mmCIF file of all heavy atoms, coordinates in Angstrom:
data_MODEL
# 
_entry.id   MODEL 
# 
loop_
_atom_site.group_PDB 
_atom_site.id 
_atom_site.type_symbol 
_atom_site.label_atom_id 
_atom_site.label_alt_id 
_atom_site.label_comp_id 
_atom_site.label_asym_id 
_atom_site.label_entity_id 
_atom_site.label_seq_id 
_atom_site.pdbx_PDB_ins_code 
_atom_site.Cartn_x 
_atom_site.Cartn_y 
_atom_site.Cartn_z 
_atom_site.occupancy 
_atom_site.B_iso_or_equiv 
_atom_site.pdbx_formal_charge 
_atom_site.auth_seq_id 
_atom_site.auth_comp_id 
_atom_site.auth_asym_id 
_atom_site.auth_atom_id 
_atom_site.pdbx_PDB_model_num 
ATOM 1   N N   . GLY A 1 1  ? 18.569 125.680 48.122 1.00 0.00 ? 1  GLY A N   1 
ATOM 2   C CA  . GLY A 1 1  ? 18.904 124.679 47.123 1.00 0.00 ? 1  GLY A CA  1 
ATOM 3   C C   . GLY A 1 1  ? 20.356 124.230 47.210 1.00 0.00 ? 1  GLY A C   1 
ATOM 4   O O   . GLY A 1 1  ? 21.108 124.646 48.076 1.00 0.00 ? 1  GLY A O   1 
ATOM 5   N N   . VAL A 1 2  ? 20.749 123.347 46.283 1.00 0.00 ? 2  VAL A N   1 
ATOM 6   C CA  . VAL A 1 2  ? 22.102 122.791 46.263 1.00 0.00 ? 2  VAL A CA  1 
ATOM 7   C C   . VAL A 1 2  ? 22.951 123.517 45.221 1.00 0.00 ? 2  VAL A C   1 
ATOM 8   O O   . VAL A 1 2  ? 22.534 123.676 44.075 1.00 0.00 ? 2  VAL A O   1 
ATOM 9   C CB  . VAL A 1 2  ? 22.071 121.286 45.947 1.00 0.00 ? 2  VAL A CB  1 
ATOM 10  C CG1 . VAL A 1 2  ? 23.489 120.734 45.802 1.00 0.00 ? 2  VAL A CG1 1 
ATOM 11  C CG2 . VAL A 1 2  ? 21.318 120.523 47.029 1.00 0.00 ? 2  VAL A CG2 1 
ATOM 12  N N   . ASN A 1 3  ? 24.134 123.959 45.629 1.00 0.00 ? 3  ASN A N   1 
ATOM 13  C CA  . ASN A 1 3  ? 25.083 124.576 44.708 1.00 0.00 ? 3  ASN A CA  1 
ATOM 14  C C   . ASN A 1 3  ? 25.898 123.462 44.053 1.00 0.00 ? 3  ASN A C   1 
ATOM 15  O O   . ASN A 1 3  ? 26.941 123.051 44.560 1.00 0.00 ? 3  ASN A O   1 
ATOM 16  C CB  . ASN A 1 3  ? 25.988 125.557 45.456 1.00 0.00 ? 3  ASN A CB  1 
ATOM 17  C CG  . ASN A 1 3  ? 26.890 126.343 44.524 1.00 0.00 ? 3  ASN A CG  1 
ATOM 18  O OD1 . ASN A 1 3  ? 27.211 125.898 43.426 1.00 0.00 ? 3  ASN A OD1 1 
ATOM 19  N ND2 . ASN A 1 3  ? 27.308 127.520 44.962 1.00 0.00 ? 3  ASN A ND2 1 
ATOM 20  N N   . ARG A 1 4  ? 25.418 122.976 42.913 1.00 0.00 ? 4  ARG A N   1 
ATOM 21  C CA  . ARG A 1 4  ? 26.053 121.836 42.257 1.00 0.00 ? 4  ARG A CA  1 
ATOM 22  C C   . ARG A 1 4  ? 27.473 122.169 41.796 1.00 0.00 ? 4  ARG A C   1 
ATOM 23  O O   . ARG A 1 4  ? 28.366 121.319 41.850 1.00 0.00 ? 4  ARG A O   1 
ATOM 24  C CB  . ARG A 1 4  ? 25.208 121.395 41.067 1.00 0.00 ? 4  ARG A CB  1 
ATOM 25  C CG  . ARG A 1 4  ? 23.786 120.997 41.430 1.00 0.00 ? 4  ARG A CG  1 
ATOM 26  C CD  . ARG A 1 4  ? 22.975 120.641 40.173 1.00 0.00 ? 4  ARG A CD  1 
ATOM 27  N NE  . ARG A 1 4  ? 21.590 120.360 40.505 1.00 0.00 ? 4  ARG A NE  1 
ATOM 28  C CZ  . ARG A 1 4  ? 20.645 121.269 40.571 1.00 0.00 ? 4  ARG A CZ  1 
ATOM 29  N NH1 . ARG A 1 4  ? 20.955 122.546 40.343 1.00 0.00 ? 4  ARG A NH1 1 
ATOM 30  N NH2 . ARG A 1 4  ? 19.402 120.931 40.859 1.00 0.00 ? 4  ARG A NH2 1 
ATOM 31  N N   . GLU A 1 5  ? 27.671 123.384 41.315 1.00 0.00 ? 5  GLU A N   1 
ATOM 32  C CA  . GLU A 1 5  ? 28.998 123.772 40.823 1.00 0.00 ? 5  GLU A CA  1 
ATOM 33  C C   . GLU A 1 5  ? 30.025 123.729 41.940 1.00 0.00 ? 5  GLU A C   1 
ATOM 34  O O   . GLU A 1 5  ? 31.160 123.279 41.740 1.00 0.00 ? 5  GLU A O   1 
ATOM 35  C CB  . GLU A 1 5  ? 28.912 125.168 40.208 1.00 0.00 ? 5  GLU A CB  1 
ATOM 36  C CG  . GLU A 1 5  ? 30.149 125.583 39.418 1.00 0.00 ? 5  GLU A CG  1 
ATOM 37  C CD  . GLU A 1 5  ? 31.243 126.148 40.302 1.00 0.00 ? 5  GLU A CD  1 
ATOM 38  O OE1 . GLU A 1 5  ? 30.906 126.764 41.341 1.00 0.00 ? 5  GLU A OE1 1 
ATOM 39  O OE2 . GLU A 1 5  ? 32.431 125.969 39.969 1.00 0.00 ? 5  GLU A OE2 1 
ATOM 40  N N   . ALA A 1 6  ? 29.639 124.163 43.137 1.00 0.00 ? 6  ALA A N   1 
ATOM 41  C CA  . ALA A 1 6  ? 30.556 124.122 44.269 1.00 0.00 ? 6  ALA A CA  1 
ATOM 42  C C   . ALA A 1 6  ? 30.901 122.679 44.630 1.00 0.00 ? 6  ALA A C   1 
ATOM 43  O O   . ALA A 1 6  ? 32.066 122.345 44.860 1.00 0.00 ? 6  ALA A O   1 
ATOM 44  C CB  . ALA A 1 6  ? 29.941 124.834 45.476 1.00 0.00 ? 6  ALA A CB  1 
ATOM 45  N N   . LEU A 1 7  ? 29.891 121.809 44.671 1.00 0.00 ? 7  LEU A N   1 
ATOM 46  C CA  . LEU A 1 7  ? 30.148 120.411 45.011 1.00 0.00 ? 7  LEU A CA  1 
ATOM 47  C C   . LEU A 1 7  ? 31.095 119.766 44.007 1.00 0.00 ? 7  LEU A C   1 
ATOM 48  O O   . LEU A 1 7  ? 31.987 119.000 44.388 1.00 0.00 ? 7  LEU A O   1 
ATOM 49  C CB  . LEU A 1 7  ? 28.835 119.630 45.072 1.00 0.00 ? 7  LEU A CB  1 
ATOM 50  C CG  . LEU A 1 7  ? 27.785 120.093 46.089 1.00 0.00 ? 7  LEU A CG  1 
ATOM 51  C CD1 . LEU A 1 7  ? 26.609 119.131 46.103 1.00 0.00 ? 7  LEU A CD1 1 
ATOM 52  C CD2 . LEU A 1 7  ? 28.383 120.214 47.486 1.00 0.00 ? 7  LEU A CD2 1 
ATOM 53  N N   . ARG A 1 8  ? 30.906 120.086 42.724 1.00 0.00 ? 8  ARG A N   1 
ATOM 54  C CA  . ARG A 1 8  ? 31.800 119.518 41.702 1.00 0.00 ? 8  ARG A CA  1 
ATOM 55  C C   . ARG A 1 8  ? 33.233 119.995 41.878 1.00 0.00 ? 8  ARG A C   1 
ATOM 56  O O   . ARG A 1 8  ? 34.182 119.254 41.627 1.00 0.00 ? 8  ARG A O   1 
ATOM 57  C CB  . ARG A 1 8  ? 31.299 119.886 40.300 1.00 0.00 ? 8  ARG A CB  1 
ATOM 58  C CG  . ARG A 1 8  ? 30.068 119.118 39.851 1.00 0.00 ? 8  ARG A CG  1 
ATOM 59  C CD  . ARG A 1 8  ? 29.830 119.294 38.356 1.00 0.00 ? 8  ARG A CD  1 
ATOM 60  N NE  . ARG A 1 8  ? 29.491 120.662 38.032 1.00 0.00 ? 8  ARG A NE  1 
ATOM 61  C CZ  . ARG A 1 8  ? 28.255 121.148 37.985 1.00 0.00 ? 8  ARG A CZ  1 
ATOM 62  N NH1 . ARG A 1 8  ? 27.237 120.338 38.263 1.00 0.00 ? 8  ARG A NH1 1 
ATOM 63  N NH2 . ARG A 1 8  ? 28.022 122.401 37.664 1.00 0.00 ? 8  ARG A NH2 1 
ATOM 64  N N   . SER A 1 9  ? 33.397 121.237 42.329 1.00 0.00 ? 9  SER A N   1 
ATOM 65  C CA  . SER A 1 9  ? 34.752 121.770 42.493 1.00 0.00 ? 9  SER A CA  1 
ATOM 66  C C   . SER A 1 9  ? 35.442 121.189 43.724 1.00 0.00 ? 9  SER A C   1 
ATOM 67  O O   . SER A 1 9  ? 36.665 121.166 43.793 1.00 0.00 ? 9  SER A O   1 
ATOM 68  C CB  . SER A 1 9  ? 34.704 123.296 42.578 1.00 0.00 ? 9  SER A CB  1 
ATOM 69  O OG  . SER A 1 9  ? 34.142 123.717 43.806 1.00 0.00 ? 9  SER A OG  1 
ATOM 70  N N   . TRP A 1 10 ? 34.668 120.708 44.695 1.00 0.00 ? 10 TRP A N   1 
ATOM 71  C CA  . TRP A 1 10 ? 35.258 120.182 45.925 1.00 0.00 ? 10 TRP A CA  1 
ATOM 72  C C   . TRP A 1 10 ? 35.510 118.679 45.878 1.00 0.00 ? 10 TRP A C   1 
ATOM 73  O O   . TRP A 1 10 ? 36.447 118.178 46.488 1.00 0.00 ? 10 TRP A O   1 
ATOM 74  C CB  . TRP A 1 10 ? 34.353 120.491 47.120 1.00 0.00 ? 10 TRP A CB  1 
ATOM 75  C CG  . TRP A 1 10 ? 34.097 121.947 47.311 1.00 0.00 ? 10 TRP A CG  1 
ATOM 76  C CD1 . TRP A 1 10 ? 34.862 122.992 46.871 1.00 0.00 ? 10 TRP A CD1 1 
ATOM 77  C CD2 . TRP A 1 10 ? 32.984 122.540 47.995 1.00 0.00 ? 10 TRP A CD2 1 
ATOM 78  N NE1 . TRP A 1 10 ? 34.303 124.192 47.223 1.00 0.00 ? 10 TRP A NE1 1 
ATOM 79  C CE2 . TRP A 1 10 ? 33.155 123.954 47.918 1.00 0.00 ? 10 TRP A CE2 1 
ATOM 80  C CE3 . TRP A 1 10 ? 31.863 122.036 48.661 1.00 0.00 ? 10 TRP A CE3 1 
ATOM 81  C CZ2 . TRP A 1 10 ? 32.242 124.841 48.485 1.00 0.00 ? 10 TRP A CZ2 1 
ATOM 82  C CZ3 . TRP A 1 10 ? 30.948 122.922 49.222 1.00 0.00 ? 10 TRP A CZ3 1 
ATOM 83  C CH2 . TRP A 1 10 ? 31.146 124.314 49.130 1.00 0.00 ? 10 TRP A CH2 1 
ATOM 84  N N   . ALA A 1 11 ? 34.658 117.951 45.167 1.00 0.00 ? 11 ALA A N   1 
ATOM 85  C CA  . ALA A 1 11 ? 34.732 116.490 45.170 1.00 0.00 ? 11 ALA A CA  1 
ATOM 86  C C   . ALA A 1 11 ? 35.886 115.971 44.326 1.00 0.00 ? 11 ALA A C   1 
ATOM 87  O O   . ALA A 1 11 ? 36.371 116.638 43.402 1.00 0.00 ? 11 ALA A O   1 
ATOM 88  C CB  . ALA A 1 11 ? 33.421 115.900 44.663 1.00 0.00 ? 11 ALA A CB  1 
ATOM 89  N N   . SER A 1 12 ? 36.307 114.761 44.631 1.00 0.00 ? 12 SER A N   1 
ATOM 90  C CA  . SER A 1 12 ? 37.278 114.068 43.783 1.00 0.00 ? 12 SER A CA  1 
ATOM 91  C C   . SER A 1 12 ? 36.593 113.708 42.469 1.00 0.00 ? 12 SER A C   1 
ATOM 92  O O   . SER A 1 12 ? 35.368 113.651 42.371 1.00 0.00 ? 12 SER A O   1 
ATOM 93  C CB  . SER A 1 12 ? 37.771 112.799 44.484 1.00 0.00 ? 12 SER A CB  1 
ATOM 94  O OG  . SER A 1 12 ? 38.458 113.107 45.677 1.00 0.00 ? 12 SER A OG  1 
ATOM 95  N N   . GLY A 1 13 ? 37.386 113.445 41.455 1.00 0.00 ? 13 GLY A N   1 
ATOM 96  C CA  . GLY A 1 13 ? 36.828 113.049 40.171 1.00 0.00 ? 13 GLY A CA  1 
ATOM 97  C C   . GLY A 1 13 ? 36.854 111.532 39.990 1.00 0.00 ? 13 GLY A C   1 
ATOM 98  O O   . GLY A 1 13 ? 37.618 110.843 40.679 1.00 0.00 ? 13 GLY A O   1 
ATOM 99  N N   . PRO A 1 14 ? 36.029 111.014 39.091 1.00 0.00 ? 14 PRO A N   1 
ATOM 100 C CA  . PRO A 1 14 ? 35.005 111.734 38.328 1.00 0.00 ? 14 PRO A CA  1 
ATOM 101 C C   . PRO A 1 14 ? 33.794 112.078 39.196 1.00 0.00 ? 14 PRO A C   1 
ATOM 102 O O   . PRO A 1 14 ? 33.446 111.322 40.103 1.00 0.00 ? 14 PRO A O   1 
ATOM 103 C CB  . PRO A 1 14 ? 34.624 110.732 37.222 1.00 0.00 ? 14 PRO A CB  1 
ATOM 104 C CG  . PRO A 1 14 ? 34.889 109.398 37.840 1.00 0.00 ? 14 PRO A CG  1 
ATOM 105 C CD  . PRO A 1 14 ? 36.095 109.584 38.728 1.00 0.00 ? 14 PRO A CD  1 
ATOM 106 N N   . SER A 1 15 ? 33.143 113.190 38.906 1.00 0.00 ? 15 SER A N   1 
ATOM 107 C CA  . SER A 1 15 ? 32.077 113.676 39.781 1.00 0.00 ? 15 SER A CA  1 
ATOM 108 C C   . SER A 1 15 ? 30.888 112.730 39.850 1.00 0.00 ? 15 SER A C   1 
ATOM 109 O O   . SER A 1 15 ? 30.216 112.654 40.881 1.00 0.00 ? 15 SER A O   1 
ATOM 110 C CB  . SER A 1 15 ? 31.606 115.062 39.313 1.00 0.00 ? 15 SER A CB  1 
ATOM 111 O OG  . SER A 1 15 ? 31.115 115.007 37.986 1.00 0.00 ? 15 SER A OG  1 
ATOM 112 N N   . ASP A 1 16 ? 30.623 111.971 38.770 1.00 0.00 ? 16 ASP A N   1 
ATOM 113 C CA  . ASP A 1 16 ? 29.468 111.073 38.787 1.00 0.00 ? 16 ASP A CA  1 
ATOM 114 C C   . ASP A 1 16 ? 29.539 110.043 39.903 1.00 0.00 ? 16 ASP A C   1 
ATOM 115 O O   . ASP A 1 16 ? 28.512 109.581 40.400 1.00 0.00 ? 16 ASP A O   1 
ATOM 116 C CB  . ASP A 1 16 ? 29.340 110.343 37.446 1.00 0.00 ? 16 ASP A CB  1 
ATOM 117 C CG  . ASP A 1 16 ? 28.767 111.227 36.363 1.00 0.00 ? 16 ASP A CG  1 
ATOM 118 O OD1 . ASP A 1 16 ? 28.333 112.348 36.699 1.00 0.00 ? 16 ASP A OD1 1 
ATOM 119 O OD2 . ASP A 1 16 ? 28.755 110.803 35.190 1.00 0.00 ? 16 ASP A OD2 1 
ATOM 120 N N   . SER A 1 17 ? 30.747 109.662 40.308 1.00 0.00 ? 17 SER A N   1 
ATOM 121 C CA  . SER A 1 17 ? 30.889 108.646 41.348 1.00 0.00 ? 17 SER A CA  1 
ATOM 122 C C   . SER A 1 17 ? 31.330 109.234 42.688 1.00 0.00 ? 17 SER A C   1 
ATOM 123 O O   . SER A 1 17 ? 31.558 108.489 43.638 1.00 0.00 ? 17 SER A O   1 
ATOM 124 C CB  . SER A 1 17 ? 31.894 107.574 40.913 1.00 0.00 ? 17 SER A CB  1 
ATOM 125 O OG  . SER A 1 17 ? 33.152 108.145 40.618 1.00 0.00 ? 17 SER A OG  1 
ATOM 126 N N   . HIS A 1 18 ? 31.422 110.555 42.768 1.00 0.00 ? 18 HIS A N   1 
ATOM 127 C CA  . HIS A 1 18 ? 31.855 111.169 44.022 1.00 0.00 ? 18 HIS A CA  1 
ATOM 128 C C   . HIS A 1 18 ? 30.899 112.249 44.529 1.00 0.00 ? 18 HIS A C   1 
ATOM 129 O O   . HIS A 1 18 ? 31.206 112.912 45.514 1.00 0.00 ? 18 HIS A O   1 
ATOM 130 C CB  . HIS A 1 18 ? 33.259 111.774 43.866 1.00 0.00 ? 18 HIS A CB  1 
ATOM 131 C CG  . HIS A 1 18 ? 34.330 110.731 43.688 1.00 0.00 ? 18 HIS A CG  1 
ATOM 132 N ND1 . HIS A 1 18 ? 34.636 110.183 42.472 1.00 0.00 ? 18 HIS A ND1 1 
ATOM 133 C CD2 . HIS A 1 18 ? 35.135 110.121 44.588 1.00 0.00 ? 18 HIS A CD2 1 
ATOM 134 C CE1 . HIS A 1 18 ? 35.602 109.282 42.620 1.00 0.00 ? 18 HIS A CE1 1 
ATOM 135 N NE2 . HIS A 1 18 ? 35.917 109.227 43.888 1.00 0.00 ? 18 HIS A NE2 1 
ATOM 136 N N   . ILE A 1 19 ? 29.771 112.424 43.852 1.00 0.00 ? 19 ILE A N   1 
ATOM 137 C CA  . ILE A 1 19 ? 28.762 113.381 44.297 1.00 0.00 ? 19 ILE A CA  1 
ATOM 138 C C   . ILE A 1 19 ? 27.419 112.695 44.377 1.00 0.00 ? 19 ILE A C   1 
ATOM 139 O O   . ILE A 1 19 ? 27.014 111.994 43.444 1.00 0.00 ? 19 ILE A O   1 
ATOM 140 C CB  . ILE A 1 19 ? 28.657 114.595 43.364 1.00 0.00 ? 19 ILE A CB  1 
ATOM 141 C CG1 . ILE A 1 19 ? 29.960 115.406 43.385 1.00 0.00 ? 19 ILE A CG1 1 
ATOM 142 C CG2 . ILE A 1 19 ? 27.488 115.497 43.765 1.00 0.00 ? 19 ILE A CG2 1 
ATOM 143 C CD1 . ILE A 1 19 ? 29.966 116.564 42.416 1.00 0.00 ? 19 ILE A CD1 1 
ATOM 144 N N   . ILE A 1 20 ? 26.734 112.885 45.494 1.00 0.00 ? 20 ILE A N   1 
ATOM 145 C CA  . ILE A 1 20 ? 25.369 112.403 45.688 1.00 0.00 ? 20 ILE A CA  1 
ATOM 146 C C   . ILE A 1 20 ? 24.530 113.636 45.952 1.00 0.00 ? 20 ILE A C   1 
ATOM 147 O O   . ILE A 1 20 ? 24.827 114.409 46.857 1.00 0.00 ? 20 ILE A O   1 
ATOM 148 C CB  . ILE A 1 20 ? 25.268 111.438 46.883 1.00 0.00 ? 20 ILE A CB  1 
ATOM 149 C CG1 . ILE A 1 20 ? 26.185 110.232 46.669 1.00 0.00 ? 20 ILE A CG1 1 
ATOM 150 C CG2 . ILE A 1 20 ? 23.831 111.002 47.104 1.00 0.00 ? 20 ILE A CG2 1 
ATOM 151 C CD1 . ILE A 1 20 ? 26.389 109.413 47.920 1.00 0.00 ? 20 ILE A CD1 1 
ATOM 152 N N   . GLU A 1 21 ? 23.488 113.829 45.153 1.00 0.00 ? 21 GLU A N   1 
ATOM 153 C CA  . GLU A 1 21 ? 22.637 115.005 45.368 1.00 0.00 ? 21 GLU A CA  1 
ATOM 154 C C   . GLU A 1 21 ? 21.252 114.581 45.817 1.00 0.00 ? 21 GLU A C   1 
ATOM 155 O O   . GLU A 1 21 ? 20.586 113.779 45.167 1.00 0.00 ? 21 GLU A O   1 
ATOM 156 C CB  . GLU A 1 21 ? 22.514 115.827 44.088 1.00 0.00 ? 21 GLU A CB  1 
ATOM 157 C CG  . GLU A 1 21 ? 21.747 117.108 44.303 1.00 0.00 ? 21 GLU A CG  1 
ATOM 158 C CD  . GLU A 1 21 ? 21.660 117.960 43.061 1.00 0.00 ? 21 GLU A CD  1 
ATOM 159 O OE1 . GLU A 1 21 ? 22.454 117.709 42.113 1.00 0.00 ? 21 GLU A OE1 1 
ATOM 160 O OE2 . GLU A 1 21 ? 20.805 118.858 43.019 1.00 0.00 ? 21 GLU A OE2 1 
ATOM 161 N N   . ILE A 1 22 ? 20.822 115.128 46.939 1.00 0.00 ? 22 ILE A N   1 
ATOM 162 C CA  . ILE A 1 22 ? 19.479 114.919 47.452 1.00 0.00 ? 22 ILE A CA  1 
ATOM 163 C C   . ILE A 1 22 ? 18.692 116.177 47.113 1.00 0.00 ? 22 ILE A C   1 
ATOM 164 O O   . ILE A 1 22 ? 18.964 117.255 47.639 1.00 0.00 ? 22 ILE A O   1 
ATOM 165 C CB  . ILE A 1 22 ? 19.485 114.680 48.974 1.00 0.00 ? 22 ILE A CB  1 
ATOM 166 C CG1 . ILE A 1 22 ? 20.468 113.571 49.323 1.00 0.00 ? 22 ILE A CG1 1 
ATOM 167 C CG2 . ILE A 1 22 ? 18.092 114.367 49.469 1.00 0.00 ? 22 ILE A CG2 1 
ATOM 168 C CD1 . ILE A 1 22 ? 20.218 112.257 48.604 1.00 0.00 ? 22 ILE A CD1 1 
ATOM 169 N N   . ARG A 1 23 ? 17.731 116.047 46.211 1.00 0.00 ? 23 ARG A N   1 
ATOM 170 C CA  . ARG A 1 23 ? 17.080 117.217 45.642 1.00 0.00 ? 23 ARG A CA  1 
ATOM 171 C C   . ARG A 1 23 ? 15.961 117.738 46.533 1.00 0.00 ? 23 ARG A C   1 
ATOM 172 O O   . ARG A 1 23 ? 15.933 117.472 47.728 1.00 0.00 ? 23 ARG A O   1 
ATOM 173 C CB  . ARG A 1 23 ? 16.550 116.876 44.244 1.00 0.00 ? 23 ARG A CB  1 
ATOM 174 C CG  . ARG A 1 23 ? 17.669 116.419 43.287 1.00 0.00 ? 23 ARG A CG  1 
ATOM 175 C CD  . ARG A 1 23 ? 17.097 116.040 41.944 1.00 0.00 ? 23 ARG A CD  1 
ATOM 176 N NE  . ARG A 1 23 ? 18.115 115.455 41.089 1.00 0.00 ? 23 ARG A NE  1 
ATOM 177 C CZ  . ARG A 1 23 ? 18.935 116.135 40.305 1.00 0.00 ? 23 ARG A CZ  1 
ATOM 178 N NH1 . ARG A 1 23 ? 18.861 117.438 40.268 1.00 0.00 ? 23 ARG A NH1 1 
ATOM 179 N NH2 . ARG A 1 23 ? 19.820 115.520 39.557 1.00 0.00 ? 23 ARG A NH2 1 
ATOM 180 N N   . GLU A 1 24 ? 15.006 118.484 45.914 1.00 0.00 ? 24 GLU A N   1 
ATOM 181 C CA  . GLU A 1 24 ? 13.939 119.122 46.658 1.00 0.00 ? 24 GLU A CA  1 
ATOM 182 C C   . GLU A 1 24 ? 13.105 118.095 47.422 1.00 0.00 ? 24 GLU A C   1 
ATOM 183 O O   . GLU A 1 24 ? 13.021 116.936 47.046 1.00 0.00 ? 24 GLU A O   1 
ATOM 184 C CB  . GLU A 1 24 ? 13.022 119.916 45.713 1.00 0.00 ? 24 GLU A CB  1 
ATOM 185 C CG  . GLU A 1 24 ? 13.676 121.160 45.126 1.00 0.00 ? 24 GLU A CG  1 
ATOM 186 C CD  . GLU A 1 24 ? 14.531 120.847 43.917 1.00 0.00 ? 24 GLU A CD  1 
ATOM 187 O OE1 . GLU A 1 24 ? 14.593 119.659 43.537 1.00 0.00 ? 24 GLU A OE1 1 
ATOM 188 O OE2 . GLU A 1 24 ? 15.146 121.767 43.369 1.00 0.00 ? 24 GLU A OE2 1 
ATOM 189 N N   . LEU A 1 25 ? 12.454 118.573 48.486 1.00 0.00 ? 25 LEU A N   1 
ATOM 190 C CA  . LEU A 1 25 ? 11.691 117.679 49.347 1.00 0.00 ? 25 LEU A CA  1 
ATOM 191 C C   . LEU A 1 25 ? 10.608 116.928 48.587 1.00 0.00 ? 25 LEU A C   1 
ATOM 192 O O   . LEU A 1 25 ? 10.249 115.816 48.952 1.00 0.00 ? 25 LEU A O   1 
ATOM 193 C CB  . LEU A 1 25 ? 11.070 118.473 50.507 1.00 0.00 ? 25 LEU A CB  1 
ATOM 194 C CG  . LEU A 1 25 ? 12.052 119.063 51.519 1.00 0.00 ? 25 LEU A CG  1 
ATOM 195 C CD1 . LEU A 1 25 ? 11.282 119.851 52.578 1.00 0.00 ? 25 LEU A CD1 1 
ATOM 196 C CD2 . LEU A 1 25 ? 12.895 117.981 52.158 1.00 0.00 ? 25 LEU A CD2 1 
ATOM 197 N N   . GLY A 1 26 ? 10.075 117.535 47.537 1.00 0.00 ? 26 GLY A N   1 
ATOM 198 C CA  . GLY A 1 26 ? 8.987  116.894 46.807 1.00 0.00 ? 26 GLY A CA  1 
ATOM 199 C C   . GLY A 1 26 ? 9.436  115.784 45.873 1.00 0.00 ? 26 GLY A C   1 
ATOM 200 O O   . GLY A 1 26 ? 8.601  115.136 45.266 1.00 0.00 ? 26 GLY A O   1 
# 
């Protein structure tokens, strides 16, 4: 799965415009 907390800590802010999450295959 995706570690969302890690991505938020690495990305520039605000996270809504700097993180793209591709979820489960289904």
